[in-house]
């Protein structure tokens, strides 16, 4: 089943001023969205395509209101915790 999509703004990193990119995202419910598409070569996004993010409304300086991604969603945190528990990742690096 195809999820409904909407536009969510994601913050760009490595910019001299606050910059936001409109990104297509799948609406998952409970203010959670999953980014689709890809990051243009010249940009660095705070969140990556495929990540689940939590969004809220933001009023920009020009008065426009839009959804912006402000933190990772729970599914990403659970995946991150699972990776940290992996013996391959937790193995200490021993100096030679």
C-alpha atoms as a PDB file:
ATOM      1  CA  UNK A   1       0.000   0.000   0.000  1.00  0.00           C
ATOM      2  CA  UNK A   2       1.397   3.396  -0.975  1.00  0.00           C
ATOM      3  CA  UNK A   3       1.726   5.904   1.874  1.00  0.00           C
ATOM      4  CA  UNK A   4       0.429   9.474   1.406  1.00  0.00           C
ATOM      5  CA  UNK A   5       3.198  12.000   0.791  1.00  0.00           C
ATOM      6  CA  UNK A   6       3.719  15.615   1.775  1.00  0.00           C
ATOM      7  CA  UNK A   7       6.472  18.224   1.716  1.00  0.00           C
ATOM      8  CA  UNK A   8       8.702  18.497   4.789  1.00  0.00           C
ATOM      9  CA  UNK A   9      11.600  20.920   5.149  1.00  0.00           C
ATOM     10  CA  UNK A  10      14.992  19.571   6.233  1.00  0.00           C
ATOM     11  CA  UNK A  11      17.854  21.733   7.521  1.00  0.00           C
ATOM     12  CA  UNK A  12      21.008  21.929   5.428  1.00  0.00           C
ATOM     13  CA  UNK A  13      24.367  21.685   7.149  1.00  0.00           C
ATOM     14  CA  UNK A  14      27.579  23.453   6.129  1.00  0.00           C
ATOM     15  CA  UNK A  15      25.755  26.640   5.103  1.00  0.00           C
ATOM     16  CA  UNK A  16      26.621  30.165   6.264  1.00  0.00           C
ATOM     17  CA  UNK A  17      22.975  30.955   7.060  1.00  0.00           C
ATOM     18  CA  UNK A  18      19.937  28.836   7.983  1.00  0.00           C
ATOM     19  CA  UNK A  19      18.889  26.955   4.840  1.00  0.00           C
ATOM     20  CA  UNK A  20      16.001  24.554   4.395  1.00  0.00           C
ATOM     21  CA  UNK A  21      15.331  22.103   1.558  1.00  0.00           C
ATOM     22  CA  UNK A  22      11.764  21.042   0.705  1.00  0.00           C
ATOM     23  CA  UNK A  23      11.728  17.238   0.586  1.00  0.00           C
ATOM     24  CA  UNK A  24       8.999  14.759  -0.307  1.00  0.00           C
ATOM     25  CA  UNK A  25       8.187  12.522   2.642  1.00  0.00           C
ATOM     26  CA  UNK A  26       5.789   9.673   3.380  1.00  0.00           C
ATOM     27  CA  UNK A  27       3.343  10.447   6.188  1.00  0.00           C
ATOM     28  CA  UNK A  28       3.543   7.635   8.787  1.00  0.00           C
ATOM     29  CA  UNK A  29       1.247   9.127  11.438  1.00  0.00           C
ATOM     30  CA  UNK A  30       1.918  10.605  14.882  1.00  0.00           C
ATOM     31  CA  UNK A  31       3.912  13.496  13.317  1.00  0.00           C
ATOM     32  CA  UNK A  32       6.394  10.982  11.854  1.00  0.00           C
ATOM     33  CA  UNK A  33       7.571  11.048   8.238  1.00  0.00           C
ATOM     34  CA  UNK A  34      10.063   9.147   6.076  1.00  0.00           C
ATOM     35  CA  UNK A  35      12.116  11.117   3.552  1.00  0.00           C
ATOM     36  CA  UNK A  36      12.140   9.881  -0.036  1.00  0.00           C
ATOM     37  CA  UNK A  37      14.377  10.868  -2.923  1.00  0.00           C
ATOM     38  CA  UNK A  38      18.071  11.631  -2.735  1.00  0.00           C
ATOM     39  CA  UNK A  39      20.396  14.358  -1.452  1.00  0.00           C
ATOM     40  CA  UNK A  40      21.828  16.611  -4.192  1.00  0.00           C
ATOM     41  CA  UNK A  41      25.642  16.224  -4.436  1.00  0.00           C
ATOM     42  CA  UNK A  42      26.369  19.762  -3.258  1.00  0.00           C
ATOM     43  CA  UNK A  43      24.185  19.540  -0.118  1.00  0.00           C
ATOM     44  CA  UNK A  44      24.533  17.989   3.346  1.00  0.00           C
ATOM     45  CA  UNK A  45      21.234  17.282   5.115  1.00  0.00           C
ATOM     46  CA  UNK A  46      20.838  16.890   8.871  1.00  0.00           C
ATOM     47  CA  UNK A  47      18.664  13.792   8.185  1.00  0.00           C
ATOM     48  CA  UNK A  48      19.079  11.339   5.303  1.00  0.00           C
ATOM     49  CA  UNK A  49      16.579   9.869   2.811  1.00  0.00           C
ATOM     50  CA  UNK A  50      14.922   6.781   4.268  1.00  0.00           C
ATOM     51  CA  UNK A  51      15.178   8.061   7.840  1.00  0.00           C
ATOM     52  CA  UNK A  52      12.062   8.432   9.953  1.00  0.00           C
ATOM     53  CA  UNK A  53      11.802  11.910  11.436  1.00  0.00           C
ATOM     54  CA  UNK A  54       9.427  13.733  13.752  1.00  0.00           C
ATOM     55  CA  UNK A  55       8.096  17.025  12.385  1.00  0.00           C
ATOM     56  CA  UNK A  56       6.322  20.094  13.672  1.00  0.00           C
ATOM     57  CA  UNK A  57       5.002  23.316  12.170  1.00  0.00           C
ATOM     58  CA  UNK A  58       7.403  26.236  11.885  1.00  0.00           C
ATOM     59  CA  UNK A  59       6.732  29.810  10.887  1.00  0.00           C
ATOM     60  CA  UNK A  60       9.555  31.128   8.714  1.00  0.00           C
ATOM     61  CA  UNK A  61      10.693  34.781   8.584  1.00  0.00           C
ATOM     62  CA  UNK A  62       8.503  35.462   5.548  1.00  0.00           C
ATOM     63  CA  UNK A  63       5.429  34.328   7.511  1.00  0.00           C
ATOM     64  CA  UNK A  64       5.036  31.008   5.672  1.00  0.00           C
ATOM     65  CA  UNK A  65       4.168  27.983   7.815  1.00  0.00           C
ATOM     66  CA  UNK A  66       5.605  24.583   6.906  1.00  0.00           C
ATOM     67  CA  UNK A  67       6.423  21.216   8.413  1.00  0.00           C
ATOM     68  CA  UNK A  68      10.080  20.879   9.450  1.00  0.00           C
ATOM     69  CA  UNK A  69      11.979  17.801  10.610  1.00  0.00           C
ATOM     70  CA  UNK A  70      13.454  18.375  14.064  1.00  0.00           C
ATOM     71  CA  UNK A  71      14.427  14.945  15.460  1.00  0.00           C
ATOM     72  CA  UNK A  72      14.800  11.307  14.501  1.00  0.00           C
ATOM     73  CA  UNK A  73      11.820   9.025  14.938  1.00  0.00           C
ATOM     74  CA  UNK A  74      11.684   6.113  17.389  1.00  0.00           C
ATOM     75  CA  UNK A  75      12.309   3.451  14.749  1.00  0.00           C
ATOM     76  CA  UNK A  76      15.711   4.983  13.980  1.00  0.00           C
ATOM     77  CA  UNK A  77      16.670   5.005  17.660  1.00  0.00           C
ATOM     78  CA  UNK A  78      15.687   1.355  18.044  1.00  0.00           C
ATOM     79  CA  UNK A  79      17.784   0.447  14.997  1.00  0.00           C
ATOM     80  CA  UNK A  80      20.708   2.465  16.361  1.00  0.00           C
ATOM     81  CA  UNK A  81      20.485   0.675  19.734  1.00  0.00           C
ATOM     82  CA  UNK A  82      20.372  -2.709  17.969  1.00  0.00           C
ATOM     83  CA  UNK A  83      23.500  -1.829  16.000  1.00  0.00           C
ATOM     84  CA  UNK A  84      25.305  -0.798  19.201  1.00  0.00           C
ATOM     85  CA  UNK A  85      24.486  -4.184  20.764  1.00  0.00           C
ATOM     86  CA  UNK A  86      25.986  -5.991  17.782  1.00  0.00           C
ATOM     87  CA  UNK A  87      29.251  -7.767  18.743  1.00  0.00           C
ATOM     88  CA  UNK A  88      30.823  -6.563  15.491  1.00  0.00           C
ATOM     89  CA  UNK A  89      30.273  -2.937  16.408  1.00  0.00           C
ATOM     90  CA  UNK A  90      31.012  -3.224  20.130  1.00  0.00           C
ATOM     91  CA  UNK A  91      34.331  -4.966  19.644  1.00  0.00           C
ATOM     92  CA  UNK A  92      37.054  -2.699  20.961  1.00  0.00           C
ATOM     93  CA  UNK A  93      39.720  -1.534  18.572  1.00  0.00           C
ATOM     94  CA  UNK A  94      43.035  -2.676  19.935  1.00  0.00           C
ATOM     95  CA  UNK A  95      46.134  -0.638  19.182  1.00  0.00           C
ATOM     96  CA  UNK A  96      48.966  -2.544  17.544  1.00  0.00           C
END
